[in-house]
Amino acid sequence: MDQTKDMVLKLIDKVRPYLQRDGGDIEVLNVEDGIVYVKMLGACDGCMAIDVTLKQGIEALLLENVPGVIGVVNVD
């Protein structure tokens, strides 16, 4: 596994308990060309706050902490 994906997975594992507390979860599907592809699960799937969670939460965290990451995309 490459270093970028490893760093992404470690950060996702840190936020996962907060998502799970609200009945949701997140799965990292792939990291390719600086884009992190994720699938939101449980209560997160279809939640009205999903865009805020992804962009202002998860994406902001990854952009700040993982060199090379340029965005996060939710795959339905």
N, C-alpha and C. Protein backbone atom coordinates (compact mmCIF):
# COMPACT_ATOMS: atom_id res chain seq x y z
N MET A 1 0.85 -1.18 0.00
CA MET A 1 0.00 0.00 0.00
C MET A 1 0.89 1.24 0.00
N ASP A 2 0.51 2.23 -0.81
CA ASP A 2 1.36 3.41 -0.87
C ASP A 2 1.15 4.30 0.35
N GLN A 3 2.10 5.19 0.55
CA GLN A 3 2.12 6.03 1.76
C GLN A 3 0.90 6.95 1.85
N THR A 4 0.47 7.52 0.72
CA THR A 4 -0.69 8.41 0.73
C THR A 4 -1.93 7.67 1.20
N LYS A 5 -2.18 6.49 0.63
CA LYS A 5 -3.36 5.72 1.01
C LYS A 5 -3.29 5.32 2.48
N ASP A 6 -2.11 4.97 2.94
CA ASP A 6 -1.92 4.59 4.34
C ASP A 6 -2.27 5.77 5.26
N MET A 7 -1.81 6.97 4.89
CA MET A 7 -2.11 8.17 5.69
C MET A 7 -3.61 8.47 5.68
N VAL A 8 -4.24 8.31 4.52
CA VAL A 8 -5.68 8.53 4.40
C VAL A 8 -6.44 7.58 5.31
N LEU A 9 -6.08 6.30 5.27
CA LEU A 9 -6.77 5.29 6.08
C LEU A 9 -6.62 5.58 7.58
N LYS A 10 -5.42 6.02 8.00
CA LYS A 10 -5.21 6.33 9.42
C LYS A 10 -6.08 7.49 9.87
N LEU A 11 -6.20 8.52 9.03
CA LEU A 11 -7.05 9.66 9.39
C LEU A 11 -8.53 9.29 9.39
N ILE A 12 -8.94 8.50 8.41
CA ILE A 12 -10.34 8.05 8.36
C ILE A 12 -10.67 7.24 9.62
N ASP A 13 -9.73 6.42 10.06
CA ASP A 13 -9.96 5.63 11.28
C ASP A 13 -10.15 6.52 12.50
N LYS A 14 -9.54 7.72 12.48
CA LYS A 14 -9.71 8.65 13.61
C LYS A 14 -11.09 9.31 13.62
N VAL A 15 -11.68 9.54 12.44
CA VAL A 15 -13.00 10.17 12.39
C VAL A 15 -14.15 9.16 12.39
N ARG A 16 -13.84 7.93 12.07
CA ARG A 16 -14.87 6.89 11.99
C ARG A 16 -15.74 6.79 13.25
N PRO A 17 -15.18 6.84 14.47
CA PRO A 17 -16.04 6.74 15.65
C PRO A 17 -17.11 7.83 15.73
N TYR A 18 -16.82 9.02 15.22
CA TYR A 18 -17.81 10.10 15.23
C TYR A 18 -18.95 9.81 14.26
N LEU A 19 -18.62 9.23 13.12
CA LEU A 19 -19.65 8.84 12.16
C LEU A 19 -20.49 7.70 12.72
N GLN A 20 -19.82 6.72 13.33
CA GLN A 20 -20.51 5.56 13.87
C GLN A 20 -21.42 5.94 15.03
N ARG A 21 -21.03 6.95 15.78
CA ARG A 21 -21.85 7.41 16.90
C ARG A 21 -23.23 7.88 16.42
N ASP A 22 -23.26 8.40 15.18
CA ASP A 22 -24.52 8.86 14.60
C ASP A 22 -25.15 7.82 13.68
N GLY A 23 -24.64 6.59 13.74
CA GLY A 23 -25.24 5.50 12.96
C GLY A 23 -24.69 5.35 11.56
N GLY A 24 -23.60 6.05 11.25
CA GLY A 24 -23.02 5.99 9.90
C GLY A 24 -21.66 5.36 9.90
N ASP A 25 -21.04 5.37 8.74
CA ASP A 25 -19.67 4.86 8.59
C ASP A 25 -19.15 5.32 7.24
N ILE A 26 -17.88 5.08 7.00
CA ILE A 26 -17.24 5.46 5.74
C ILE A 26 -16.28 4.36 5.33
N GLU A 27 -16.24 4.09 4.04
CA GLU A 27 -15.33 3.10 3.48
C GLU A 27 -14.48 3.80 2.41
N VAL A 28 -13.17 3.65 2.49
CA VAL A 28 -12.28 4.20 1.47
C VAL A 28 -12.19 3.16 0.36
N LEU A 29 -12.65 3.54 -0.83
CA LEU A 29 -12.65 2.62 -1.97
C LEU A 29 -11.33 2.66 -2.73
N ASN A 30 -10.79 3.87 -2.90
CA ASN A 30 -9.58 4.01 -3.70
C ASN A 30 -8.97 5.39 -3.46
N VAL A 31 -7.68 5.49 -3.70
CA VAL A 31 -6.99 6.78 -3.72
C VAL A 31 -6.23 6.81 -5.03
N GLU A 32 -6.62 7.72 -5.93
CA GLU A 32 -6.04 7.75 -7.26
C GLU A 32 -5.88 9.18 -7.75
N ASP A 33 -4.70 9.54 -8.18
CA ASP A 33 -4.41 10.87 -8.72
C ASP A 33 -4.83 11.99 -7.76
N GLY A 34 -4.63 11.77 -6.47
CA GLY A 34 -4.94 12.79 -5.48
C GLY A 34 -6.39 12.83 -5.04
N ILE A 35 -7.24 12.01 -5.63
CA ILE A 35 -8.66 11.96 -5.26
C ILE A 35 -8.90 10.74 -4.38
N VAL A 36 -9.58 10.97 -3.26
CA VAL A 36 -9.95 9.89 -2.35
C VAL A 36 -11.41 9.54 -2.64
N TYR A 37 -11.64 8.32 -3.07
CA TYR A 37 -12.99 7.85 -3.38
C TYR A 37 -13.51 7.10 -2.16
N VAL A 38 -14.66 7.55 -1.65
CA VAL A 38 -15.24 6.95 -0.45
C VAL A 38 -16.69 6.57 -0.70
N LYS A 39 -17.18 5.68 0.14
CA LYS A 39 -18.60 5.31 0.14
C LYS A 39 -19.11 5.54 1.55
N MET A 40 -20.13 6.38 1.65
CA MET A 40 -20.73 6.64 2.94
C MET A 40 -21.76 5.54 3.22
N LEU A 41 -21.75 5.04 4.44
CA LEU A 41 -22.56 3.89 4.81
C LEU A 41 -23.52 4.21 5.94
N GLY A 42 -24.49 3.34 6.14
CA GLY A 42 -25.43 3.48 7.26
C GLY A 42 -26.21 4.77 7.17
N ALA A 43 -26.32 5.46 8.30
CA ALA A 43 -27.09 6.70 8.37
C ALA A 43 -26.48 7.81 7.52
N CYS A 44 -25.20 7.71 7.20
CA CYS A 44 -24.54 8.73 6.37
C CYS A 44 -25.03 8.68 4.93
N ASP A 45 -25.41 7.49 4.47
CA ASP A 45 -25.87 7.33 3.09
C ASP A 45 -27.24 7.98 2.95
N GLY A 46 -27.29 9.07 2.20
CA GLY A 46 -28.55 9.78 2.00
C GLY A 46 -28.84 10.85 3.04
N CYS A 47 -27.95 11.03 4.00
CA CYS A 47 -28.15 12.06 5.02
C CYS A 47 -28.07 13.45 4.38
N MET A 48 -28.89 14.37 4.84
CA MET A 48 -28.90 15.72 4.28
C MET A 48 -27.61 16.48 4.59
N ALA A 49 -26.89 16.08 5.62
CA ALA A 49 -25.65 16.77 5.99
C ALA A 49 -24.41 16.13 5.36
N ILE A 50 -24.62 15.21 4.42
CA ILE A 50 -23.49 14.47 3.85
C ILE A 50 -22.48 15.39 3.17
N ASP A 51 -22.94 16.40 2.45
CA ASP A 51 -22.01 17.30 1.77
C ASP A 51 -21.16 18.07 2.77
N VAL A 52 -21.77 18.51 3.85
CA VAL A 52 -21.03 19.24 4.88
C VAL A 52 -20.01 18.31 5.54
N THR A 53 -20.44 17.11 5.87
CA THR A 53 -19.54 16.13 6.50
C THR A 53 -18.35 15.83 5.60
N LEU A 54 -18.64 15.62 4.31
CA LEU A 54 -17.57 15.27 3.38
C LEU A 54 -16.63 16.43 3.11
N LYS A 55 -17.17 17.59 2.76
CA LYS A 55 -16.34 18.72 2.33
C LYS A 55 -15.69 19.45 3.50
N GLN A 56 -16.48 19.81 4.50
CA GLN A 56 -15.95 20.61 5.60
C GLN A 56 -15.29 19.76 6.68
N GLY A 57 -15.61 18.49 6.70
CA GLY A 57 -15.03 17.60 7.69
C GLY A 57 -13.92 16.75 7.12
N ILE A 58 -14.30 15.71 6.43
CA ILE A 58 -13.34 14.71 5.95
C ILE A 58 -12.38 15.28 4.91
N GLU A 59 -12.91 15.98 3.89
CA GLU A 59 -12.03 16.52 2.86
C GLU A 59 -11.06 17.55 3.45
N ALA A 60 -11.56 18.44 4.28
CA ALA A 60 -10.69 19.46 4.89
C ALA A 60 -9.57 18.81 5.70
N LEU A 61 -9.90 17.78 6.46
CA LEU A 61 -8.91 17.07 7.28
C LEU A 61 -7.84 16.42 6.40
N LEU A 62 -8.28 15.77 5.31
CA LEU A 62 -7.33 15.10 4.43
C LEU A 62 -6.47 16.09 3.66
N LEU A 63 -7.07 17.17 3.17
CA LEU A 63 -6.30 18.19 2.44
C LEU A 63 -5.20 18.79 3.32
N GLU A 64 -5.53 18.98 4.58
CA GLU A 64 -4.60 19.61 5.51
C GLU A 64 -3.48 18.67 5.95
N ASN A 65 -3.77 17.38 6.01
CA ASN A 65 -2.84 16.45 6.63
C ASN A 65 -2.18 15.43 5.71
N VAL A 66 -2.67 15.28 4.49
CA VAL A 66 -2.10 14.27 3.59
C VAL A 66 -1.62 14.95 2.31
N PRO A 67 -0.30 15.06 2.15
CA PRO A 67 0.25 15.67 0.94
C PRO A 67 -0.21 14.93 -0.31
N GLY A 68 -0.63 15.67 -1.31
CA GLY A 68 -1.04 15.05 -2.57
C GLY A 68 -2.53 14.87 -2.73
N VAL A 69 -3.28 14.91 -1.62
CA VAL A 69 -4.72 14.76 -1.71
C VAL A 69 -5.31 16.09 -2.17
N ILE A 70 -6.14 16.05 -3.22
CA ILE A 70 -6.74 17.27 -3.75
C ILE A 70 -8.27 17.27 -3.66
N GLY A 71 -8.86 16.14 -3.25
CA GLY A 71 -10.31 16.12 -3.12
C GLY A 71 -10.82 14.79 -2.65
N VAL A 72 -12.11 14.80 -2.25
CA VAL A 72 -12.79 13.60 -1.81
C VAL A 72 -14.09 13.48 -2.61
N VAL A 73 -14.35 12.29 -3.14
CA VAL A 73 -15.55 12.05 -3.92
C VAL A 73 -16.33 10.90 -3.29
N ASN A 74 -17.63 11.14 -3.08
CA ASN A 74 -18.50 10.09 -2.57
C ASN A 74 -19.03 9.27 -3.74
N VAL A 75 -18.84 7.97 -3.71
CA VAL A 75 -19.32 7.07 -4.76
C VAL A 75 -20.59 6.40 -4.26
N ASP A 76 -21.66 6.58 -5.01
CA ASP A 76 -22.95 5.97 -4.59
C ASP A 76 -22.99 4.51 -4.94
